[in-house]
Amino acid sequence: MQKLIFATSSPHKLGELRDLLPAYNVLGLEDIGYRHEIDENGATLEENALIKANTLFDHLHEVSLGEDTGLEVFALDMAPGVYTARYAGNDRDPVKNMEKLLSALKGSTDRRARFRTVIAMVGANGSRLFEGIVNGHISDHIAGDGGFGYDPVFIPEGYKMTFAELPRDVKNSISHRAMAVANLVSYFNK
């Protein structure tokens, strides 16, 4: 089984990546004993994904993957974007993040949003980027207990339930991360 190493310590992201890549041995930072904080100080999702992948490649000297995801809300000039996890503060509290988002959109009729994932792959031959986008809108309340992050307020296009209310397999088949992973796998299968 081919090994894929992602520069993530998030158990939620790692679980989702493992679900999306059953034919691969997906490892995270803890699996390889890497316990240092990677400073995500890029101005874009692409920069942050590359920072993570480059940091891991410099440590391992083998093909490494970094991922960054942002929620982009049209009425908020695509915020929180690169600051998605820290929207309400550096403690990365998902409930506070959702509450701040719902407050910022209070009274807004434009609730269009999208999740965008960028996966960076870095190896001896350079780097490549793979993107996935899912369009939808922000609910007016928190609903559902599945998923993570902003899933309880994001309703994907074509659905009436939030990502947190949808069955895990349905979310994983239509999500931004699933699309980015599909592009990555397509590249591997060339």
N, C-alpha and C. Protein backbone atom coordinates (compact mmCIF):
# COMPACT_ATOMS: atom_id res chain seq x y z
N MET A 1 0.85 -1.18 0.00
CA MET A 1 0.00 0.00 0.00
C MET A 1 0.90 1.24 0.00
N GLN A 2 0.66 2.14 -0.96
CA GLN A 2 1.48 3.34 -1.06
C GLN A 2 1.22 4.29 0.11
N LYS A 3 2.29 4.84 0.65
CA LYS A 3 2.21 5.74 1.79
C LYS A 3 2.06 7.18 1.31
N LEU A 4 1.14 7.93 1.93
CA LEU A 4 0.99 9.36 1.70
C LEU A 4 1.11 10.06 3.04
N ILE A 5 2.00 11.03 3.13
CA ILE A 5 2.22 11.73 4.40
C ILE A 5 1.71 13.15 4.28
N PHE A 6 0.72 13.48 5.10
CA PHE A 6 0.12 14.82 5.13
C PHE A 6 0.64 15.59 6.33
N ALA A 7 0.95 16.83 6.10
CA ALA A 7 1.41 17.72 7.18
C ALA A 7 0.19 18.23 7.94
N THR A 8 -0.44 17.34 8.69
CA THR A 8 -1.58 17.73 9.51
C THR A 8 -1.53 16.97 10.83
N SER A 9 -1.98 17.64 11.88
CA SER A 9 -2.13 16.96 13.16
C SER A 9 -3.60 16.93 13.56
N SER A 10 -4.48 17.40 12.66
CA SER A 10 -5.92 17.40 12.93
C SER A 10 -6.49 16.00 12.74
N PRO A 11 -7.00 15.40 13.82
CA PRO A 11 -7.59 14.06 13.69
C PRO A 11 -8.79 14.05 12.75
N HIS A 12 -9.55 15.17 12.70
CA HIS A 12 -10.72 15.26 11.82
C HIS A 12 -10.30 15.22 10.35
N LYS A 13 -9.32 16.05 9.99
CA LYS A 13 -8.85 16.07 8.61
C LYS A 13 -8.22 14.74 8.23
N LEU A 14 -7.43 14.19 9.13
CA LEU A 14 -6.76 12.93 8.86
C LEU A 14 -7.78 11.80 8.65
N GLY A 15 -8.81 11.78 9.47
CA GLY A 15 -9.87 10.78 9.31
C GLY A 15 -10.58 10.92 7.98
N GLU A 16 -10.86 12.15 7.60
CA GLU A 16 -11.53 12.40 6.33
C GLU A 16 -10.63 11.99 5.16
N LEU A 17 -9.34 12.33 5.25
CA LEU A 17 -8.40 11.95 4.20
C LEU A 17 -8.28 10.44 4.09
N ARG A 18 -8.27 9.76 5.21
CA ARG A 18 -8.20 8.29 5.19
C ARG A 18 -9.45 7.70 4.56
N ASP A 19 -10.62 8.29 4.85
CA ASP A 19 -11.86 7.83 4.23
C ASP A 19 -11.81 8.02 2.72
N LEU A 20 -11.23 9.15 2.29
CA LEU A 20 -11.18 9.49 0.87
C LEU A 20 -10.10 8.73 0.11
N LEU A 21 -9.12 8.20 0.82
CA LEU A 21 -7.98 7.53 0.19
C LEU A 21 -7.79 6.11 0.75
N PRO A 22 -8.81 5.25 0.63
CA PRO A 22 -8.72 3.92 1.25
C PRO A 22 -7.61 3.04 0.65
N ALA A 23 -7.17 3.33 -0.56
CA ALA A 23 -6.13 2.51 -1.20
C ALA A 23 -4.72 2.94 -0.79
N TYR A 24 -4.62 3.95 0.07
CA TYR A 24 -3.32 4.48 0.48
C TYR A 24 -3.18 4.39 2.00
N ASN A 25 -1.95 4.33 2.45
CA ASN A 25 -1.63 4.38 3.87
C ASN A 25 -1.40 5.86 4.20
N VAL A 26 -2.43 6.53 4.69
CA VAL A 26 -2.36 7.97 4.96
C VAL A 26 -1.84 8.20 6.38
N LEU A 27 -0.74 8.93 6.47
CA LEU A 27 -0.12 9.24 7.75
C LEU A 27 -0.15 10.73 8.01
N GLY A 28 -0.27 11.10 9.28
CA GLY A 28 -0.21 12.49 9.69
C GLY A 28 1.06 12.75 10.47
N LEU A 29 1.21 13.95 10.96
CA LEU A 29 2.42 14.34 11.67
C LEU A 29 2.69 13.47 12.90
N GLU A 30 1.65 13.17 13.67
CA GLU A 30 1.85 12.35 14.86
C GLU A 30 2.29 10.93 14.51
N ASP A 31 1.79 10.43 13.38
CA ASP A 31 2.15 9.06 12.96
C ASP A 31 3.65 8.94 12.66
N ILE A 32 4.27 10.04 12.25
CA ILE A 32 5.71 10.00 11.92
C ILE A 32 6.57 10.59 13.04
N GLY A 33 5.92 10.95 14.14
CA GLY A 33 6.66 11.47 15.28
C GLY A 33 7.08 12.92 15.15
N TYR A 34 6.45 13.68 14.25
CA TYR A 34 6.77 15.09 14.07
C TYR A 34 5.85 15.89 14.98
N ARG A 35 6.42 16.54 15.99
CA ARG A 35 5.60 17.21 17.00
C ARG A 35 5.79 18.73 17.04
N HIS A 36 6.41 19.27 16.01
CA HIS A 36 6.63 20.72 15.96
C HIS A 36 5.44 21.42 15.31
N GLU A 37 5.16 22.62 15.78
CA GLU A 37 4.11 23.45 15.19
C GLU A 37 4.62 24.00 13.86
N ILE A 38 3.82 23.86 12.80
CA ILE A 38 4.17 24.46 11.51
C ILE A 38 3.47 25.80 11.44
N ASP A 39 4.24 26.84 11.29
CA ASP A 39 3.71 28.21 11.29
C ASP A 39 3.03 28.50 9.95
N GLU A 40 1.71 28.51 9.97
CA GLU A 40 0.94 28.81 8.76
C GLU A 40 0.81 30.33 8.63
N ASN A 41 1.82 30.96 8.07
CA ASN A 41 1.81 32.41 7.98
C ASN A 41 1.65 32.91 6.55
N GLY A 42 1.16 32.06 5.66
CA GLY A 42 0.93 32.47 4.28
C GLY A 42 -0.27 33.38 4.15
N ALA A 43 -0.31 34.13 3.06
CA ALA A 43 -1.42 35.04 2.81
C ALA A 43 -2.54 34.37 2.03
N THR A 44 -2.30 33.15 1.53
CA THR A 44 -3.31 32.43 0.76
C THR A 44 -3.33 30.96 1.19
N LEU A 45 -4.38 30.27 0.80
CA LEU A 45 -4.47 28.84 1.07
C LEU A 45 -3.32 28.11 0.37
N GLU A 46 -3.01 28.54 -0.85
CA GLU A 46 -1.92 27.92 -1.60
C GLU A 46 -0.60 28.05 -0.85
N GLU A 47 -0.31 29.24 -0.35
CA GLU A 47 0.94 29.46 0.39
C GLU A 47 1.00 28.59 1.64
N ASN A 48 -0.10 28.51 2.37
CA ASN A 48 -0.10 27.70 3.59
C ASN A 48 0.07 26.22 3.28
N ALA A 49 -0.59 25.73 2.24
CA ALA A 49 -0.43 24.32 1.86
C ALA A 49 1.02 24.04 1.48
N LEU A 50 1.64 24.96 0.75
CA LEU A 50 3.04 24.78 0.36
C LEU A 50 3.98 24.87 1.56
N ILE A 51 3.71 25.77 2.49
CA ILE A 51 4.52 25.87 3.70
C ILE A 51 4.53 24.53 4.43
N LYS A 52 3.35 23.94 4.60
CA LYS A 52 3.23 22.66 5.31
C LYS A 52 3.98 21.55 4.57
N ALA A 53 3.73 21.45 3.26
CA ALA A 53 4.36 20.38 2.47
C ALA A 53 5.87 20.55 2.41
N ASN A 54 6.34 21.79 2.25
CA ASN A 54 7.79 22.04 2.21
C ASN A 54 8.45 21.72 3.54
N THR A 55 7.80 22.09 4.64
CA THR A 55 8.34 21.80 5.97
C THR A 55 8.49 20.30 6.16
N LEU A 56 7.48 19.55 5.78
CA LEU A 56 7.52 18.10 5.91
C LEU A 56 8.58 17.49 4.98
N PHE A 57 8.65 17.99 3.75
CA PHE A 57 9.64 17.47 2.80
C PHE A 57 11.06 17.74 3.32
N ASP A 58 11.30 18.92 3.86
CA ASP A 58 12.62 19.25 4.41
C ASP A 58 12.98 18.31 5.56
N HIS A 59 11.98 17.87 6.30
CA HIS A 59 12.20 16.96 7.44
C HIS A 59 12.42 15.51 6.98
N LEU A 60 11.62 15.06 5.99
CA LEU A 60 11.62 13.65 5.60
C LEU A 60 12.44 13.33 4.35
N HIS A 61 12.57 14.33 3.47
CA HIS A 61 13.22 14.13 2.17
C HIS A 61 12.50 13.08 1.33
N GLU A 62 11.18 13.07 1.45
CA GLU A 62 10.35 12.24 0.57
C GLU A 62 9.07 13.00 0.27
N VAL A 63 8.34 12.53 -0.74
CA VAL A 63 7.14 13.25 -1.18
C VAL A 63 6.24 13.55 0.02
N SER A 64 5.87 14.81 0.14
CA SER A 64 5.08 15.27 1.28
C SER A 64 3.90 16.09 0.80
N LEU A 65 2.82 16.04 1.58
CA LEU A 65 1.59 16.73 1.22
C LEU A 65 1.17 17.70 2.32
N GLY A 66 0.74 18.87 1.89
CA GLY A 66 0.19 19.86 2.80
C GLY A 66 -1.19 20.25 2.31
N GLU A 67 -2.07 20.61 3.20
CA GLU A 67 -3.44 20.94 2.83
C GLU A 67 -3.89 22.15 3.62
N ASP A 68 -4.62 23.03 2.95
CA ASP A 68 -5.26 24.12 3.67
C ASP A 68 -6.64 24.31 3.08
N THR A 69 -7.58 24.61 3.94
CA THR A 69 -8.97 24.78 3.53
C THR A 69 -9.49 26.09 4.08
N GLY A 70 -10.27 26.77 3.28
CA GLY A 70 -10.87 28.02 3.72
C GLY A 70 -12.34 28.08 3.36
N LEU A 71 -13.10 28.72 4.22
CA LEU A 71 -14.49 29.03 3.93
C LEU A 71 -14.50 30.46 3.40
N GLU A 72 -15.05 30.64 2.22
CA GLU A 72 -15.08 31.96 1.58
C GLU A 72 -16.53 32.40 1.42
N VAL A 73 -16.88 33.50 2.09
CA VAL A 73 -18.26 34.00 2.11
C VAL A 73 -18.32 35.26 1.26
N PHE A 74 -19.15 35.24 0.24
CA PHE A 74 -19.19 36.32 -0.74
C PHE A 74 -19.55 37.67 -0.12
N ALA A 75 -20.53 37.70 0.77
CA ALA A 75 -20.96 38.96 1.39
C ALA A 75 -19.89 39.55 2.32
N LEU A 76 -18.90 38.74 2.69
CA LEU A 76 -17.83 39.18 3.59
C LEU A 76 -16.51 39.33 2.82
N ASP A 77 -16.61 39.62 1.52
CA ASP A 77 -15.41 39.78 0.68
C ASP A 77 -14.50 38.56 0.76
N MET A 78 -15.12 37.38 0.76
CA MET A 78 -14.45 36.07 0.76
C MET A 78 -13.77 35.74 2.10
N ALA A 79 -14.09 36.48 3.14
CA ALA A 79 -13.63 36.12 4.49
C ALA A 79 -14.50 34.98 4.99
N PRO A 80 -14.04 34.18 5.93
CA PRO A 80 -12.77 34.27 6.61
C PRO A 80 -11.56 33.78 5.81
N GLY A 81 -11.78 33.01 4.73
CA GLY A 81 -10.69 32.62 3.84
C GLY A 81 -9.53 31.95 4.54
N VAL A 82 -8.34 32.52 4.33
CA VAL A 82 -7.13 31.93 4.90
C VAL A 82 -7.15 31.94 6.44
N TYR A 83 -8.02 32.74 7.03
CA TYR A 83 -8.12 32.83 8.49
C TYR A 83 -9.29 32.00 9.03
N THR A 84 -9.77 31.06 8.27
CA THR A 84 -10.95 30.28 8.64
C THR A 84 -10.86 29.67 10.03
N ALA A 85 -9.79 28.99 10.34
CA ALA A 85 -9.67 28.31 11.64
C ALA A 85 -9.53 29.29 12.80
N ARG A 86 -9.01 30.48 12.51
CA ARG A 86 -8.76 31.47 13.58
C ARG A 86 -9.69 32.69 13.47
N TYR A 87 -10.81 32.52 12.83
CA TYR A 87 -11.71 33.64 12.56
C TYR A 87 -12.12 34.37 13.84
N ALA A 88 -12.39 33.63 14.91
CA ALA A 88 -12.82 34.25 16.17
C ALA A 88 -11.70 34.28 17.21
N GLY A 89 -10.46 33.97 16.79
CA GLY A 89 -9.34 34.00 17.73
C GLY A 89 -8.39 32.84 17.54
N ASN A 90 -7.23 32.96 18.14
CA ASN A 90 -6.18 31.97 17.98
C ASN A 90 -6.47 30.63 18.66
N ASP A 91 -7.52 30.55 19.49
CA ASP A 91 -7.83 29.28 20.13
C ASP A 91 -8.54 28.31 19.18
N ARG A 92 -8.89 28.77 17.96
CA ARG A 92 -9.48 27.92 16.91
C ARG A 92 -10.75 27.23 17.37
N ASP A 93 -11.57 27.92 18.12
CA ASP A 93 -12.81 27.35 18.65
C ASP A 93 -13.89 27.35 17.56
N PRO A 94 -14.31 26.17 17.10
CA PRO A 94 -15.29 26.13 16.00
C PRO A 94 -16.63 26.77 16.34
N VAL A 95 -17.08 26.64 17.58
CA VAL A 95 -18.37 27.25 17.95
C VAL A 95 -18.26 28.77 17.91
N LYS A 96 -17.19 29.32 18.46
CA LYS A 96 -16.99 30.77 18.41
C LYS A 96 -16.87 31.25 16.97
N ASN A 97 -16.18 30.48 16.13
CA ASN A 97 -16.04 30.83 14.73
C ASN A 97 -17.40 30.90 14.04
N MET A 98 -18.24 29.89 14.28
CA MET A 98 -19.57 29.87 13.65
C MET A 98 -20.44 31.01 14.18
N GLU A 99 -20.37 31.25 15.48
CA GLU A 99 -21.16 32.34 16.06
C GLU A 99 -20.76 33.68 15.49
N LYS A 100 -19.45 33.90 15.32
CA LYS A 100 -18.98 35.16 14.74
C LYS A 100 -19.45 35.28 13.29
N LEU A 101 -19.39 34.18 12.55
CA LEU A 101 -19.84 34.20 11.15
C LEU A 101 -21.32 34.51 11.06
N LEU A 102 -22.13 33.83 11.87
CA LEU A 102 -23.58 34.07 11.84
C LEU A 102 -23.90 35.50 12.24
N SER A 103 -23.17 36.04 13.19
CA SER A 103 -23.36 37.42 13.60
C SER A 103 -22.99 38.39 12.47
N ALA A 104 -21.90 38.10 11.79
CA ALA A 104 -21.46 38.97 10.68
C ALA A 104 -22.46 38.96 9.52
N LEU A 105 -23.18 37.87 9.37
CA LEU A 105 -24.16 37.76 8.27
C LEU A 105 -25.58 38.12 8.68
N LYS A 106 -25.77 38.49 9.95
CA LYS A 106 -27.11 38.81 10.44
C LYS A 106 -27.72 39.91 9.56
N GLY A 107 -28.89 39.62 9.03
CA GLY A 107 -29.60 40.58 8.19
C GLY A 107 -29.17 40.56 6.73
N SER A 108 -28.14 39.80 6.40
CA SER A 108 -27.67 39.74 5.02
C SER A 108 -28.54 38.78 4.20
N THR A 109 -28.91 39.20 3.01
CA THR A 109 -29.67 38.32 2.12
C THR A 109 -28.74 37.50 1.23
N ASP A 110 -27.49 37.92 1.14
CA ASP A 110 -26.51 37.17 0.35
C ASP A 110 -25.73 36.26 1.29
N ARG A 111 -26.06 34.98 1.27
CA ARG A 111 -25.40 34.03 2.17
C ARG A 111 -24.57 33.01 1.38
N ARG A 112 -24.30 33.35 0.10
CA ARG A 112 -23.50 32.45 -0.73
C ARG A 112 -22.10 32.29 -0.15
N ALA A 113 -21.62 31.05 -0.23
CA ALA A 113 -20.31 30.73 0.32
C ALA A 113 -19.75 29.54 -0.44
N ARG A 114 -18.47 29.33 -0.25
CA ARG A 114 -17.85 28.13 -0.80
C ARG A 114 -16.72 27.69 0.11
N PHE A 115 -16.52 26.40 0.14
CA PHE A 115 -15.35 25.83 0.78
C PHE A 115 -14.34 25.57 -0.32
N ARG A 116 -13.09 25.91 -0.06
CA ARG A 116 -12.03 25.67 -1.03
C ARG A 116 -10.87 24.99 -0.33
N THR A 117 -10.42 23.88 -0.90
CA THR A 117 -9.28 23.13 -0.38
C THR A 117 -8.16 23.16 -1.41
N VAL A 118 -6.95 23.38 -0.92
CA VAL A 118 -5.76 23.29 -1.76
C VAL A 118 -4.84 22.27 -1.13
N ILE A 119 -4.43 21.29 -1.93
CA ILE A 119 -3.44 20.30 -1.50
C ILE A 119 -2.15 20.59 -2.27
N ALA A 120 -1.06 20.72 -1.54
CA ALA A 120 0.26 20.89 -2.15
C ALA A 120 1.04 19.59 -2.01
N MET A 121 1.67 19.19 -3.09
CA MET A 121 2.55 18.03 -3.07
C MET A 121 3.96 18.53 -3.39
N VAL A 122 4.91 18.21 -2.52
CA VAL A 122 6.30 18.63 -2.70
C VAL A 122 7.18 17.39 -2.70
N GLY A 123 8.04 17.32 -3.69
CA GLY A 123 8.99 16.22 -3.79
C GLY A 123 10.29 16.72 -4.41
N ALA A 124 11.18 15.80 -4.69
CA ALA A 124 12.48 16.16 -5.26
C ALA A 124 12.34 16.85 -6.61
N ASN A 125 11.24 16.60 -7.31
CA ASN A 125 11.04 17.20 -8.63
C ASN A 125 10.22 18.49 -8.59
N GLY A 126 10.03 19.07 -7.41
CA GLY A 126 9.29 20.32 -7.29
C GLY A 126 7.95 20.16 -6.61
N SER A 127 7.03 21.06 -6.93
CA SER A 127 5.73 21.06 -6.26
C SER A 127 4.59 21.16 -7.26
N ARG A 128 3.42 20.70 -6.82
CA ARG A 128 2.18 20.79 -7.60
C ARG A 128 1.05 21.13 -6.63
N LEU A 129 0.03 21.79 -7.15
CA LEU A 129 -1.14 22.15 -6.36
C LEU A 129 -2.38 21.48 -6.94
N PHE A 130 -3.29 21.05 -6.06
CA PHE A 130 -4.54 20.43 -6.44
C PHE A 130 -5.65 21.13 -5.66
N GLU A 131 -6.72 21.55 -6.36
CA GLU A 131 -7.77 22.35 -5.73
C GLU A 131 -9.12 21.64 -5.82
N GLY A 132 -9.94 21.89 -4.83
CA GLY A 132 -11.32 21.42 -4.83
C GLY A 132 -12.21 22.51 -4.25
N ILE A 133 -13.36 22.74 -4.88
CA ILE A 133 -14.30 23.77 -4.43
C ILE A 133 -15.70 23.18 -4.37
N VAL A 134 -16.43 23.48 -3.30
CA VAL A 134 -17.85 23.15 -3.24
C VAL A 134 -18.59 24.45 -2.90
N ASN A 135 -19.58 24.76 -3.72
CA ASN A 135 -20.38 25.96 -3.52
C ASN A 135 -21.59 25.64 -2.66
N GLY A 136 -22.11 26.65 -2.00
CA GLY A 136 -23.28 26.49 -1.16
C GLY A 136 -23.66 27.81 -0.53
N HIS A 137 -24.25 27.73 0.64
CA HIS A 137 -24.60 28.95 1.38
C HIS A 137 -24.56 28.68 2.88
N ILE A 138 -24.55 29.76 3.63
CA ILE A 138 -24.49 29.69 5.09
C ILE A 138 -25.91 29.68 5.65
N SER A 139 -26.19 28.71 6.49
CA SER A 139 -27.47 28.60 7.17
C SER A 139 -27.63 29.77 8.13
N ASP A 140 -28.85 29.97 8.63
CA ASP A 140 -29.04 31.04 9.62
C ASP A 140 -28.89 30.52 11.05
N HIS A 141 -28.57 29.22 11.18
CA HIS A 141 -28.37 28.64 12.51
C HIS A 141 -27.47 27.41 12.42
N ILE A 142 -26.93 26.99 13.55
CA ILE A 142 -26.07 25.82 13.63
C ILE A 142 -26.97 24.58 13.66
N ALA A 143 -26.64 23.59 12.80
CA ALA A 143 -27.46 22.38 12.74
C ALA A 143 -26.60 21.16 12.42
N GLY A 144 -26.79 20.10 13.18
CA GLY A 144 -26.10 18.84 12.93
C GLY A 144 -24.91 18.64 13.85
N ASP A 145 -24.54 17.39 14.03
CA ASP A 145 -23.42 17.10 14.93
C ASP A 145 -22.33 16.28 14.25
N GLY A 146 -22.41 16.14 12.93
CA GLY A 146 -21.36 15.45 12.19
C GLY A 146 -20.32 16.44 11.70
N GLY A 147 -19.27 15.91 11.09
CA GLY A 147 -18.26 16.78 10.50
C GLY A 147 -17.48 17.55 11.54
N PHE A 148 -16.92 18.68 11.11
CA PHE A 148 -16.13 19.51 12.00
C PHE A 148 -16.04 20.92 11.41
N GLY A 149 -15.45 21.82 12.18
CA GLY A 149 -15.30 23.20 11.70
C GLY A 149 -16.64 23.87 11.46
N TYR A 150 -16.82 24.40 10.26
CA TYR A 150 -18.03 25.14 9.90
C TYR A 150 -19.11 24.24 9.30
N ASP A 151 -18.91 22.93 9.32
CA ASP A 151 -19.88 22.01 8.72
C ASP A 151 -21.31 22.24 9.20
N PRO A 152 -21.55 22.58 10.49
CA PRO A 152 -22.92 22.78 10.96
C PRO A 152 -23.62 24.03 10.43
N VAL A 153 -22.93 24.90 9.69
CA VAL A 153 -23.59 26.09 9.12
C VAL A 153 -23.50 26.15 7.60
N PHE A 154 -22.80 25.19 6.97
CA PHE A 154 -22.62 25.23 5.52
C PHE A 154 -23.56 24.23 4.84
N ILE A 155 -24.40 24.75 3.95
CA ILE A 155 -25.33 23.92 3.18
C ILE A 155 -24.82 23.87 1.74
N PRO A 156 -24.38 22.69 1.28
CA PRO A 156 -23.86 22.59 -0.08
C PRO A 156 -24.96 22.75 -1.12
N GLU A 157 -24.58 23.28 -2.27
CA GLU A 157 -25.50 23.48 -3.38
C GLU A 157 -26.20 22.17 -3.72
N GLY A 158 -27.53 22.25 -3.89
CA GLY A 158 -28.30 21.06 -4.25
C GLY A 158 -28.82 20.28 -3.05
N TYR A 159 -28.51 20.73 -1.85
CA TYR A 159 -28.94 20.04 -0.63
C TYR A 159 -29.69 21.01 0.28
N LYS A 160 -30.47 20.44 1.21
CA LYS A 160 -31.21 21.26 2.18
C LYS A 160 -30.65 21.10 3.59
N MET A 161 -29.63 20.25 3.73
CA MET A 161 -29.02 20.00 5.04
C MET A 161 -27.59 20.50 5.05
N THR A 162 -27.11 20.82 6.26
CA THR A 162 -25.72 21.22 6.40
C THR A 162 -24.81 20.01 6.22
N PHE A 163 -23.53 20.28 6.00
CA PHE A 163 -22.55 19.19 5.94
C PHE A 163 -22.60 18.35 7.21
N ALA A 164 -22.88 18.98 8.35
CA ALA A 164 -22.92 18.26 9.63
C ALA A 164 -24.15 17.37 9.77
N GLU A 165 -25.19 17.63 8.96
CA GLU A 165 -26.40 16.81 9.00
C GLU A 165 -26.36 15.69 7.96
N LEU A 166 -25.58 15.87 6.91
CA LEU A 166 -25.50 14.86 5.86
C LEU A 166 -24.76 13.62 6.36
N PRO A 167 -25.12 12.45 5.87
CA PRO A 167 -24.34 11.26 6.21
C PRO A 167 -22.88 11.46 5.77
N ARG A 168 -21.98 10.89 6.53
CA ARG A 168 -20.55 11.08 6.28
C ARG A 168 -20.14 10.71 4.85
N ASP A 169 -20.69 9.59 4.35
CA ASP A 169 -20.32 9.16 3.00
C ASP A 169 -20.82 10.13 1.94
N VAL A 170 -21.97 10.76 2.17
CA VAL A 170 -22.49 11.75 1.22
C VAL A 170 -21.59 12.99 1.23
N LYS A 171 -21.29 13.48 2.43
CA LYS A 171 -20.41 14.65 2.53
C LYS A 171 -19.07 14.35 1.86
N ASN A 172 -18.49 13.20 2.15
CA ASN A 172 -17.18 12.86 1.60
C ASN A 172 -17.21 12.71 0.08
N SER A 173 -18.37 12.43 -0.49
CA SER A 173 -18.43 12.27 -1.94
C SER A 173 -18.57 13.60 -2.68
N ILE A 174 -19.00 14.66 -1.98
CA ILE A 174 -19.23 15.94 -2.66
C ILE A 174 -18.38 17.08 -2.13
N SER A 175 -17.57 16.83 -1.13
CA SER A 175 -16.86 17.92 -0.45
C SER A 175 -15.70 18.49 -1.26
N HIS A 176 -15.29 19.66 -0.87
CA HIS A 176 -14.12 20.35 -1.41
C HIS A 176 -12.87 19.49 -1.27
N ARG A 177 -12.73 18.86 -0.11
CA ARG A 177 -11.55 18.02 0.13
C ARG A 177 -11.59 16.80 -0.78
N ALA A 178 -12.79 16.23 -0.99
CA ALA A 178 -12.94 15.08 -1.89
C ALA A 178 -12.53 15.46 -3.31
N MET A 179 -12.89 16.65 -3.74
CA MET A 179 -12.53 17.09 -5.09
C MET A 179 -11.02 17.30 -5.23
N ALA A 180 -10.41 17.91 -4.23
CA ALA A 180 -8.96 18.13 -4.27
C ALA A 180 -8.23 16.78 -4.25
N VAL A 181 -8.70 15.85 -3.41
CA VAL A 181 -8.10 14.52 -3.34
C VAL A 181 -8.27 13.79 -4.67
N ALA A 182 -9.44 13.91 -5.30
CA ALA A 182 -9.67 13.27 -6.61
C ALA A 182 -8.68 13.79 -7.64
N ASN A 183 -8.40 15.09 -7.62
CA ASN A 183 -7.42 15.66 -8.54
C ASN A 183 -6.02 15.14 -8.25
N LEU A 184 -5.69 14.97 -6.98
CA LEU A 184 -4.40 14.40 -6.58
C LEU A 184 -4.27 12.96 -7.08
N VAL A 185 -5.30 12.15 -6.84
CA VAL A 185 -5.28 10.74 -7.25
C VAL A 185 -5.21 10.62 -8.77
N SER A 186 -5.94 11.50 -9.47
CA SER A 186 -5.90 11.51 -10.92
C SER A 186 -4.47 11.75 -11.41
N TYR A 187 -3.77 12.65 -10.75
CA TYR A 187 -2.36 12.92 -11.09
C TYR A 187 -1.50 11.67 -10.85
N PHE A 188 -1.71 10.99 -9.73
CA PHE A 188 -0.96 9.78 -9.42
C PHE A 188 -1.20 8.69 -10.47
N ASN A 189 -2.43 8.65 -11.00
CA ASN A 189 -2.81 7.58 -11.92
C ASN A 189 -2.47 7.87 -13.38
N LYS A 190 -1.80 8.98 -13.64
CA LYS A 190 -1.41 9.31 -15.03
C LYS A 190 -0.39 8.35 -15.53
